């Protein structure tokens, strides 16, 4: 069994394409502690208020000199809250790391995660934190494949929105994104705790899914990279997003149902992973 005994590591921000506020600030990331197969790192970073975590689950046994795809399991709640369940627990329950030979990574965020950078608040830079701190650390400290096609995004609700905005804003950086039961047609800041992260309508527009789909339609026209699965609360939004992508001729995987409970454990995650991992073949 792989033992993760790395020393505390300083990560220099801005190792990846520059984002808002991507200045030369360092993050302190602890060595891993292991609990039931989950490796947990504690992070102190100016892009987040207080301490956050990066949790990692590895396939077993690990192959020597082998690089693995990584699926980023994006949370829907702040810190370690779990009202809607725990994505990594569902990953482990379904034995997905071993089945698909994939590393799974779940970061936490100090604020409700919408995967955006606040226009003025230095400690609410969620997009910058993920791209410039979490990913470089994982790819430096774990046997993670660094090709864009092997960086995969998975989420539901807020984090389904986040998975799609991250891919659409950075199509040369990520391979595929899966969203389940997400408010993809949202057009105004204010609902679902968005104001605390986006702050203004002007900033929100940079992340608005429908605008990004129109803007990146040509770039997304040649490969099936977006996955849109079933629903719990947002079926009509999925219908509209699917229809928009049909008009824009953006290839995508689409499943209209079945209806499930709006949480990590209602049965949708295993199918989402299967579709995501298909993008790494060949």
Protein backbone atom coordinates (compact mmCIF):
# COMPACT_ATOMS: atom_id res chain seq x y z
CA UNK A 1 0.00 0.00 0.00
CA UNK A 2 1.35 3.43 -0.91
CA UNK A 3 2.33 5.51 2.09
CA UNK A 4 2.05 9.27 1.66
CA UNK A 5 4.73 10.75 3.93
CA UNK A 6 5.46 14.00 2.12
CA UNK A 7 6.88 16.94 4.05
CA UNK A 8 5.06 20.24 4.29
CA UNK A 9 5.24 21.90 0.86
CA UNK A 10 5.17 25.55 -0.18
CA UNK A 11 3.28 25.99 -3.45
CA UNK A 12 4.03 29.12 -5.45
CA UNK A 13 0.83 30.59 -6.82
CA UNK A 14 0.57 31.39 -10.55
CA UNK A 15 2.21 28.16 -11.73
CA UNK A 16 -0.69 27.78 -14.16
CA UNK A 17 -2.34 30.25 -16.57
CA UNK A 18 -2.84 33.58 -14.76
CA UNK A 19 -6.25 34.32 -13.28
CA UNK A 20 -7.63 37.28 -11.37
CA UNK A 21 -5.36 38.16 -8.45
CA UNK A 22 -2.81 35.44 -9.35
CA UNK A 23 0.11 37.10 -7.59
CA UNK A 24 3.23 35.60 -6.06
CA UNK A 25 1.73 34.29 -2.83
CA UNK A 26 2.59 30.95 -1.27
CA UNK A 27 0.35 28.26 0.18
CA UNK A 28 1.48 25.98 3.00
CA UNK A 29 0.27 22.41 2.56
CA UNK A 30 0.84 19.77 5.23
CA UNK A 31 2.03 16.22 4.79
CA UNK A 32 -0.75 13.69 4.40
CA UNK A 33 -2.57 12.01 7.25
CA UNK A 34 -4.36 8.80 6.27
CA UNK A 35 -7.75 7.64 7.54
CA UNK A 36 -9.52 4.64 6.00
CA UNK A 37 -7.80 5.10 2.66
CA UNK A 38 -8.34 8.87 2.46
CA UNK A 39 -5.20 11.02 2.50
CA UNK A 40 -5.87 14.47 3.97
CA UNK A 41 -3.68 17.56 3.56
CA UNK A 42 -4.31 20.78 5.48
CA UNK A 43 -3.88 23.98 3.48
CA UNK A 44 -3.22 27.57 4.53
CA UNK A 45 -3.52 29.90 1.57
CA UNK A 46 -4.30 33.60 1.04
CA UNK A 47 -6.89 32.57 -1.55
CA UNK A 48 -9.06 31.03 1.21
CA UNK A 49 -10.08 32.26 4.66
CA UNK A 50 -8.59 30.00 7.32
CA UNK A 51 -7.56 26.40 6.82
CA UNK A 52 -8.96 24.17 4.12
CA UNK A 53 -8.30 20.56 3.10
CA UNK A 54 -7.32 18.53 0.08
CA UNK A 55 -8.52 14.93 0.33
CA UNK A 56 -7.16 12.22 -1.95
CA UNK A 57 -8.18 8.61 -2.67
CA UNK A 58 -5.80 6.41 -4.65
CA UNK A 59 -6.28 3.20 -6.63
CA UNK A 60 -4.73 0.15 -5.00
CA UNK A 61 -2.26 -1.29 -5.57
CA UNK A 62 -0.38 1.58 -7.19
CA UNK A 63 1.64 0.77 -10.30
CA UNK A 64 5.28 1.79 -10.41
CA UNK A 65 6.18 4.54 -12.88
CA UNK A 66 2.54 5.00 -13.89
CA UNK A 67 0.59 8.24 -14.24
CA UNK A 68 -3.12 8.23 -13.40
CA UNK A 69 -6.05 10.37 -14.54
CA UNK A 70 -7.47 12.58 -11.80
CA UNK A 71 -11.14 13.27 -11.15
CA UNK A 72 -11.74 16.38 -9.07
CA UNK A 73 -14.83 15.75 -6.92
CA UNK A 74 -16.08 19.29 -6.41
CA UNK A 75 -17.98 20.00 -3.18
CA UNK A 76 -21.32 21.78 -2.91
CA UNK A 77 -20.86 22.96 0.67
CA UNK A 78 -18.35 25.06 2.58
CA UNK A 79 -15.56 23.50 4.62
CA UNK A 80 -16.38 19.88 5.58
CA UNK A 81 -20.15 20.29 5.81
CA UNK A 82 -22.05 17.26 4.55
CA UNK A 83 -25.77 18.01 4.52
CA UNK A 84 -25.83 16.63 0.97
CA UNK A 85 -23.47 13.75 1.68
CA UNK A 86 -19.82 13.18 0.91
CA UNK A 87 -18.66 12.62 -2.66
CA UNK A 88 -15.49 10.76 -1.67
CA UNK A 89 -17.47 8.36 0.54
CA UNK A 90 -19.62 7.51 -2.47
CA UNK A 91 -16.48 7.04 -4.59
CA UNK A 92 -15.06 4.62 -2.03
CA UNK A 93 -18.39 2.82 -1.56
CA UNK A 94 -18.50 2.07 -5.29
CA UNK A 95 -14.78 1.12 -5.38
CA UNK A 96 -14.29 3.54 -8.26
CA UNK A 97 -10.54 4.26 -7.83
CA UNK A 98 -9.71 0.58 -8.31
CA UNK A 99 -12.35 -0.07 -10.96
CA UNK A 100 -11.22 2.76 -13.22
CA UNK A 101 -7.61 3.23 -12.04
CA UNK A 102 -8.18 6.91 -11.29
CA UNK A 103 -7.05 9.23 -8.50
CA UNK A 104 -9.92 11.12 -6.86
CA UNK A 105 -9.33 14.53 -5.25
CA UNK A 106 -11.80 16.55 -3.17
CA UNK A 107 -10.74 20.05 -2.05
CA UNK A 108 -12.66 22.07 0.51
CA UNK A 109 -13.41 25.80 0.38
CA UNK A 110 -13.87 28.28 3.20
CA UNK A 111 -16.93 29.86 1.55
CA UNK A 112 -19.88 28.28 -0.24
CA UNK A 113 -18.19 27.07 -3.44
CA UNK A 114 -19.26 28.63 -6.74
CA UNK A 115 -15.78 28.18 -8.31
CA UNK A 116 -15.35 31.88 -9.00
CA UNK A 117 -12.99 34.64 -7.89
CA UNK A 118 -14.57 37.46 -5.89
CA UNK A 119 -13.83 40.81 -7.61
CA UNK A 120 -12.35 42.45 -4.50
CA UNK A 121 -12.08 40.02 -1.57
CA UNK A 122 -8.60 38.48 -1.49
CA UNK A 123 -9.66 35.41 0.52
CA UNK A 124 -12.50 34.35 -1.83
CA UNK A 125 -10.60 33.28 -4.95
CA UNK A 126 -12.04 29.85 -5.52
CA UNK A 127 -11.10 29.45 -9.17
CA UNK A 128 -7.55 30.67 -8.55
CA UNK A 129 -7.23 28.41 -5.51
CA UNK A 130 -8.23 25.29 -7.43
CA UNK A 131 -6.13 26.02 -10.51
CA UNK A 132 -3.06 27.59 -8.92
CA UNK A 133 -2.79 25.73 -5.60
CA UNK A 134 -4.72 22.44 -5.57
CA UNK A 135 -3.85 21.15 -9.05
CA UNK A 136 -0.13 21.99 -8.96
CA UNK A 137 0.17 20.30 -5.56
CA UNK A 138 -1.59 17.13 -6.72
CA UNK A 139 0.48 16.91 -9.88
CA UNK A 140 3.73 17.50 -8.00
CA UNK A 141 3.10 15.12 -5.11
CA UNK A 142 1.03 12.29 -6.59
CA UNK A 143 1.47 10.20 -9.77
CA UNK A 144 -1.09 12.30 -11.62
CA UNK A 145 -1.22 12.52 -15.40
CA UNK A 146 -0.74 16.14 -16.46
CA UNK A 147 -2.37 16.02 -19.90
CA UNK A 148 -5.55 18.11 -20.07
CA UNK A 149 -7.54 15.06 -21.21
CA UNK A 150 -6.74 13.39 -17.87
CA UNK A 151 -7.91 16.30 -15.69
CA UNK A 152 -11.60 15.62 -15.14
CA UNK A 153 -14.29 17.52 -13.23
CA UNK A 154 -17.31 16.12 -11.41
CA UNK A 155 -20.06 17.89 -9.52
CA UNK A 156 -23.74 18.44 -8.86
CA UNK A 157 -25.85 21.49 -8.09
CA UNK A 158 -23.37 24.33 -7.37
CA UNK A 159 -20.40 22.14 -8.18
CA UNK A 160 -22.00 20.91 -11.40
CA UNK A 161 -22.20 24.56 -12.40
CA UNK A 162 -18.59 24.91 -11.27
CA UNK A 163 -17.39 21.88 -13.23
CA UNK A 164 -18.85 23.31 -16.43
CA UNK A 165 -17.62 26.87 -15.89
CA UNK A 166 -14.10 25.64 -15.14
CA UNK A 167 -14.01 23.59 -18.34
CA UNK A 168 -15.60 26.28 -20.50
CA UNK A 169 -13.31 29.00 -19.14
CA UNK A 170 -10.24 26.77 -19.46
CA UNK A 171 -10.90 24.34 -22.33
CA UNK A 172 -7.18 23.75 -22.91
CA UNK A 173 -6.64 22.85 -19.27
CA UNK A 174 -9.37 20.28 -18.52
CA UNK A 175 -10.59 17.30 -20.50
CA UNK A 176 -14.20 16.68 -19.51
CA UNK A 177 -16.80 17.87 -17.01
CA UNK A 178 -19.86 16.10 -15.64
CA UNK A 179 -22.78 17.93 -14.06
CA UNK A 180 -25.76 16.34 -12.34
CA UNK A 181 -28.84 18.32 -11.25
CA UNK A 182 -27.28 21.75 -11.64
CA UNK A 183 -28.84 25.24 -12.12
CA UNK A 184 -27.12 25.69 -15.47
CA UNK A 185 -29.53 28.35 -16.80
CA UNK A 186 -29.10 30.72 -13.85
CA UNK A 187 -28.80 34.28 -15.20
CA UNK A 188 -28.69 36.49 -12.10
CA UNK A 189 -26.52 36.81 -9.05
CA UNK A 190 -28.47 36.53 -5.79
CA UNK A 191 -29.88 33.00 -5.60
CA UNK A 192 -28.36 30.05 -3.73
CA UNK A 193 -25.76 32.09 -1.88
CA UNK A 194 -24.13 33.42 -5.04
CA UNK A 195 -23.76 37.02 -3.87
CA UNK A 196 -21.09 36.19 -1.28
CA UNK A 197 -18.83 34.81 -4.02
CA UNK A 198 -19.69 36.66 -7.24
CA UNK A 199 -20.54 39.95 -5.48
CA UNK A 200 -21.74 41.74 -8.64
CA UNK A 201 -23.71 40.94 -11.76
CA UNK A 202 -20.73 42.09 -13.81
CA UNK A 203 -18.49 39.47 -12.20
CA UNK A 204 -21.21 36.82 -12.43
CA UNK A 205 -21.43 37.33 -16.19
CA UNK A 206 -17.86 36.06 -16.57
CA UNK A 207 -19.01 32.68 -15.24
CA UNK A 208 -22.54 32.48 -16.61
CA UNK A 209 -22.89 29.05 -18.24
CA UNK A 210 -25.14 30.08 -21.11
CA UNK A 211 -22.80 32.90 -22.12
CA UNK A 212 -19.78 30.59 -21.92
CA UNK A 213 -21.50 27.97 -24.07
CA UNK A 214 -22.14 30.57 -26.77
CA UNK A 215 -18.63 32.01 -26.48
CA UNK A 216 -16.87 28.63 -26.60
CA UNK A 217 -19.20 26.81 -29.00
CA UNK A 218 -16.61 26.60 -31.76
CA UNK A 219 -13.88 25.38 -29.42
CA UNK A 220 -16.23 22.71 -28.04
CA UNK A 221 -17.63 21.63 -31.41
CA UNK A 222 -15.25 18.78 -32.22
CA UNK A 223 -15.15 16.58 -29.11
CA UNK A 224 -17.76 15.34 -26.66
CA UNK A 225 -16.53 16.92 -23.41
CA UNK A 226 -19.66 17.95 -21.49
CA UNK A 227 -21.81 15.47 -19.57
CA UNK A 228 -25.33 16.35 -18.40
CA UNK A 229 -26.99 13.68 -16.30
CA UNK A 230 -30.33 13.25 -14.54
CA UNK A 231 -32.10 15.51 -12.10
CA UNK A 232 -33.54 16.03 -8.65
CA UNK A 233 -34.46 19.74 -8.56
CA UNK A 234 -33.36 21.19 -11.91
CA UNK A 235 -34.90 19.14 -14.70
CA UNK A 236 -36.22 22.14 -16.63
CA UNK A 237 -32.83 23.83 -16.48
CA UNK A 238 -31.27 20.67 -17.91
CA UNK A 239 -33.83 20.59 -20.71
CA UNK A 240 -33.01 24.18 -21.62
CA UNK A 241 -29.24 23.66 -21.43
CA UNK A 242 -29.53 20.57 -23.64
CA UNK A 243 -31.64 22.49 -26.16
CA UNK A 244 -29.16 25.37 -26.22
CA UNK A 245 -26.26 23.01 -26.90
CA UNK A 246 -28.22 21.37 -29.68
CA UNK A 247 -28.70 24.76 -31.32
CA UNK A 248 -25.01 25.59 -30.82
CA UNK A 249 -24.01 22.16 -32.16
CA UNK A 250 -21.96 21.37 -29.05
CA UNK A 251 -21.56 17.58 -28.65
CA UNK A 252 -22.48 16.34 -25.19
CA UNK A 253 -23.74 13.33 -23.24
CA UNK A 254 -27.30 13.86 -22.06
CA UNK A 255 -29.46 11.77 -19.72
CA UNK A 256 -32.98 12.99 -18.87
CA UNK A 257 -33.43 11.13 -15.63
CA UNK A 258 -34.15 9.15 -13.68
CA UNK A 259 -35.16 11.54 -10.95
CA UNK A 260 -33.09 11.09 -7.81
CA UNK A 261 -32.60 12.70 -4.41
CA UNK A 262 -30.50 15.86 -4.55
CA UNK A 263 -27.32 14.53 -2.91
CA UNK A 264 -24.09 12.62 -3.53
CA UNK A 265 -25.51 9.21 -2.58
CA UNK A 266 -28.63 8.89 -4.74
CA UNK A 267 -27.02 6.70 -7.39
CA UNK A 268 -25.87 9.07 -10.14
CA UNK A 269 -22.15 9.34 -9.34
CA UNK A 270 -20.95 5.96 -10.64
CA UNK A 271 -22.43 6.58 -14.10
CA UNK A 272 -20.90 10.06 -14.19
CA UNK A 273 -17.47 8.62 -13.44
CA UNK A 274 -17.87 5.94 -16.11
CA UNK A 275 -18.65 8.61 -18.71
CA UNK A 276 -15.80 10.85 -17.54
CA UNK A 277 -13.20 8.11 -17.67
CA UNK A 278 -14.20 7.27 -21.22
CA UNK A 279 -12.52 10.51 -22.24
CA UNK A 280 -9.11 9.22 -21.12
CA UNK A 281 -9.10 6.15 -23.33
CA UNK A 282 -7.06 5.92 -26.48
